Amino acid sequence: MAQAWYMDVHVPSAVTAGLRRRGVDVLTSQEDGTREADDAALLQRATDLGRVLFTQDDDLLAIASQWQQEAREFAG
């Protein structure tokens, strides 16, 4: 089964378009109405939707590490 992706606002639209041309299931934060959400909220939203968050934000690594230490589940 193919993985569904959730694109952060910072991912170039060309990347999203290219993935879609290849049949990848992609939802952007802009389409989902979370354009202004912080990284933790985006990670939670992606998890709630069963999607992997695709981002270029370095601080997401710190959030994911913290959530792992807290045994908090998230997609990806």
N, C-alpha and C. Protein backbone atom coordinates (compact mmCIF):
# COMPACT_ATOMS: atom_id res chain seq x y z
N MET A 1 0.84 -1.17 0.00
CA MET A 1 0.00 0.00 0.00
C MET A 1 0.89 1.24 0.00
N ALA A 2 0.54 2.20 -0.83
CA ALA A 2 1.31 3.43 -0.94
C ALA A 2 1.06 4.33 0.28
N GLN A 3 2.07 5.06 0.66
CA GLN A 3 1.98 5.96 1.80
C GLN A 3 1.37 7.29 1.38
N ALA A 4 0.48 7.83 2.18
CA ALA A 4 -0.10 9.15 1.94
C ALA A 4 0.77 10.20 2.63
N TRP A 5 0.95 11.35 1.98
CA TRP A 5 1.83 12.39 2.47
C TRP A 5 1.06 13.66 2.80
N TYR A 6 1.60 14.41 3.77
CA TYR A 6 1.05 15.69 4.19
C TYR A 6 2.17 16.71 4.06
N MET A 7 2.01 17.65 3.14
CA MET A 7 3.09 18.58 2.82
C MET A 7 3.00 19.87 3.65
N ASP A 8 4.09 20.20 4.30
CA ASP A 8 4.24 21.46 5.02
C ASP A 8 4.24 22.61 4.01
N VAL A 9 3.89 23.78 4.45
CA VAL A 9 3.82 24.96 3.59
C VAL A 9 5.17 25.31 2.96
N HIS A 10 6.27 24.87 3.56
CA HIS A 10 7.60 25.21 3.06
C HIS A 10 8.09 24.30 1.94
N VAL A 11 7.36 23.24 1.65
CA VAL A 11 7.76 22.35 0.56
C VAL A 11 7.36 23.00 -0.77
N PRO A 12 8.30 23.13 -1.69
CA PRO A 12 7.98 23.78 -2.97
C PRO A 12 6.83 23.07 -3.69
N SER A 13 5.97 23.87 -4.30
CA SER A 13 4.81 23.31 -5.00
C SER A 13 5.23 22.39 -6.14
N ALA A 14 6.41 22.61 -6.71
CA ALA A 14 6.90 21.74 -7.78
C ALA A 14 7.12 20.31 -7.28
N VAL A 15 7.53 20.17 -6.03
CA VAL A 15 7.71 18.84 -5.44
C VAL A 15 6.36 18.14 -5.32
N THR A 16 5.37 18.87 -4.80
CA THR A 16 4.03 18.31 -4.66
C THR A 16 3.46 17.93 -6.03
N ALA A 17 3.60 18.82 -6.99
CA ALA A 17 3.08 18.55 -8.33
C ALA A 17 3.75 17.33 -8.95
N GLY A 18 5.05 17.22 -8.77
CA GLY A 18 5.78 16.08 -9.33
C GLY A 18 5.33 14.77 -8.71
N LEU A 19 5.12 14.76 -7.40
CA LEU A 19 4.65 13.55 -6.73
C LEU A 19 3.25 13.18 -7.22
N ARG A 20 2.40 14.17 -7.35
CA ARG A 20 1.03 13.90 -7.83
C ARG A 20 1.04 13.34 -9.25
N ARG A 21 1.91 13.86 -10.10
CA ARG A 21 2.01 13.32 -11.47
C ARG A 21 2.39 11.85 -11.46
N ARG A 22 3.06 11.44 -10.42
CA ARG A 22 3.47 10.03 -10.29
C ARG A 22 2.47 9.21 -9.50
N GLY A 23 1.32 9.78 -9.21
CA GLY A 23 0.26 9.04 -8.55
C GLY A 23 0.34 8.97 -7.04
N VAL A 24 1.19 9.81 -6.43
CA VAL A 24 1.34 9.80 -4.98
C VAL A 24 0.20 10.61 -4.36
N ASP A 25 -0.37 10.09 -3.28
CA ASP A 25 -1.45 10.76 -2.55
C ASP A 25 -0.84 11.85 -1.67
N VAL A 26 -1.06 13.10 -2.05
CA VAL A 26 -0.47 14.24 -1.35
C VAL A 26 -1.57 15.23 -0.96
N LEU A 27 -1.53 15.68 0.28
CA LEU A 27 -2.40 16.75 0.77
C LEU A 27 -1.48 17.83 1.32
N THR A 28 -1.71 19.07 0.92
CA THR A 28 -0.88 20.16 1.43
C THR A 28 -1.56 20.82 2.62
N SER A 29 -0.75 21.45 3.45
CA SER A 29 -1.31 22.17 4.60
C SER A 29 -2.18 23.33 4.12
N GLN A 30 -1.85 23.90 2.98
CA GLN A 30 -2.67 24.98 2.43
C GLN A 30 -4.06 24.46 2.09
N GLU A 31 -4.14 23.30 1.47
CA GLU A 31 -5.43 22.71 1.10
C GLU A 31 -6.24 22.32 2.33
N ASP A 32 -5.53 21.96 3.39
CA ASP A 32 -6.18 21.48 4.61
C ASP A 32 -6.51 22.61 5.59
N GLY A 33 -6.11 23.84 5.26
CA GLY A 33 -6.42 24.97 6.12
C GLY A 33 -5.51 25.12 7.33
N THR A 34 -4.32 24.50 7.26
CA THR A 34 -3.39 24.58 8.40
C THR A 34 -2.12 25.33 8.03
N ARG A 35 -2.21 26.22 7.08
CA ARG A 35 -1.05 26.97 6.59
C ARG A 35 -0.27 27.66 7.71
N GLU A 36 -0.97 28.17 8.70
CA GLU A 36 -0.34 28.93 9.79
C GLU A 36 -0.01 28.07 11.02
N ALA A 37 -0.29 26.79 10.98
CA ALA A 37 -0.08 25.93 12.15
C ALA A 37 1.41 25.73 12.42
N ASP A 38 1.75 25.56 13.70
CA ASP A 38 3.14 25.29 14.04
C ASP A 38 3.46 23.83 13.74
N ASP A 39 4.74 23.49 13.82
CA ASP A 39 5.18 22.15 13.42
C ASP A 39 4.56 21.03 14.25
N ALA A 40 4.41 21.24 15.55
CA ALA A 40 3.82 20.20 16.39
C ALA A 40 2.36 19.96 15.98
N ALA A 41 1.64 21.02 15.69
CA ALA A 41 0.25 20.88 15.25
C ALA A 41 0.17 20.19 13.89
N LEU A 42 1.11 20.49 13.00
CA LEU A 42 1.13 19.83 11.69
C LEU A 42 1.43 18.34 11.83
N LEU A 43 2.37 18.01 12.71
CA LEU A 43 2.69 16.60 12.93
C LEU A 43 1.48 15.87 13.50
N GLN A 44 0.78 16.48 14.42
CA GLN A 44 -0.42 15.87 14.98
C GLN A 44 -1.50 15.72 13.92
N ARG A 45 -1.69 16.75 13.09
CA ARG A 45 -2.71 16.69 12.04
C ARG A 45 -2.39 15.58 11.05
N ALA A 46 -1.13 15.49 10.63
CA ALA A 46 -0.73 14.42 9.71
C ALA A 46 -0.99 13.06 10.32
N THR A 47 -0.68 12.91 11.59
CA THR A 47 -0.92 11.66 12.30
C THR A 47 -2.41 11.34 12.35
N ASP A 48 -3.23 12.34 12.67
CA ASP A 48 -4.67 12.15 12.73
C ASP A 48 -5.24 11.68 11.39
N LEU A 49 -4.62 12.17 10.30
CA LEU A 49 -5.07 11.81 8.95
C LEU A 49 -4.42 10.52 8.43
N GLY A 50 -3.48 9.96 9.20
CA GLY A 50 -2.77 8.76 8.75
C GLY A 50 -1.78 9.05 7.64
N ARG A 51 -1.20 10.24 7.66
CA ARG A 51 -0.25 10.65 6.63
C ARG A 51 1.11 10.94 7.25
N VAL A 52 2.13 10.87 6.44
CA VAL A 52 3.48 11.22 6.87
C VAL A 52 3.72 12.68 6.54
N LEU A 53 4.19 13.44 7.52
CA LEU A 53 4.49 14.86 7.31
C LEU A 53 5.78 15.00 6.53
N PHE A 54 5.72 15.73 5.44
CA PHE A 54 6.89 16.03 4.61
C PHE A 54 7.21 17.51 4.84
N THR A 55 8.37 17.79 5.39
CA THR A 55 8.75 19.16 5.71
C THR A 55 10.24 19.35 5.49
N GLN A 56 10.63 20.59 5.43
CA GLN A 56 12.05 20.93 5.34
C GLN A 56 12.51 21.68 6.59
N ASP A 57 11.70 21.66 7.62
CA ASP A 57 12.00 22.36 8.86
C ASP A 57 12.88 21.50 9.77
N ASP A 58 14.05 22.01 10.11
CA ASP A 58 14.97 21.27 10.98
C ASP A 58 14.41 21.05 12.37
N ASP A 59 13.57 21.98 12.85
CA ASP A 59 13.07 21.85 14.21
C ASP A 59 12.10 20.68 14.36
N LEU A 60 11.60 20.15 13.27
CA LEU A 60 10.73 18.99 13.37
C LEU A 60 11.47 17.78 13.95
N LEU A 61 12.76 17.71 13.70
CA LEU A 61 13.56 16.61 14.26
C LEU A 61 13.53 16.64 15.78
N ALA A 62 13.60 17.83 16.35
CA ALA A 62 13.55 17.97 17.81
C ALA A 62 12.17 17.59 18.34
N ILE A 63 11.13 17.97 17.64
CA ILE A 63 9.77 17.62 18.04
C ILE A 63 9.58 16.11 17.98
N ALA A 64 10.00 15.49 16.88
CA ALA A 64 9.86 14.04 16.74
C ALA A 64 10.66 13.31 17.82
N SER A 65 11.85 13.79 18.13
CA SER A 65 12.66 13.18 19.18
C SER A 65 11.96 13.27 20.53
N GLN A 66 11.41 14.43 20.83
CA GLN A 66 10.69 14.62 22.10
C GLN A 66 9.48 13.69 22.16
N TRP A 67 8.73 13.61 21.08
CA TRP A 67 7.55 12.75 21.06
C TRP A 67 7.94 11.28 21.23
N GLN A 68 9.07 10.88 20.64
CA GLN A 68 9.54 9.50 20.82
C GLN A 68 9.89 9.25 22.28
N GLN A 69 10.57 10.17 22.91
CA GLN A 69 10.94 10.03 24.32
C GLN A 69 9.71 9.95 25.22
N GLU A 70 8.64 10.61 24.80
CA GLU A 70 7.39 10.58 25.56
C GLU A 70 6.51 9.40 25.17
N ALA A 71 7.02 8.55 24.28
CA ALA A 71 6.27 7.40 23.76
C ALA A 71 4.96 7.84 23.11
N ARG A 72 5.00 9.00 22.51
CA ARG A 72 3.83 9.55 21.83
C ARG A 72 3.87 9.09 20.38
N GLU A 73 2.80 8.48 19.92
CA GLU A 73 2.77 7.96 18.55
C GLU A 73 2.53 9.06 17.54
N PHE A 74 3.18 8.90 16.39
CA PHE A 74 2.96 9.81 15.27
C PHE A 74 3.29 9.08 13.98
N ALA A 75 2.68 9.56 12.90
CA ALA A 75 2.88 8.92 11.60
C ALA A 75 4.26 9.31 11.05
N GLY A 76 4.90 8.34 10.42
CA GLY A 76 6.15 8.67 9.74
C GLY A 76 7.37 8.13 10.36
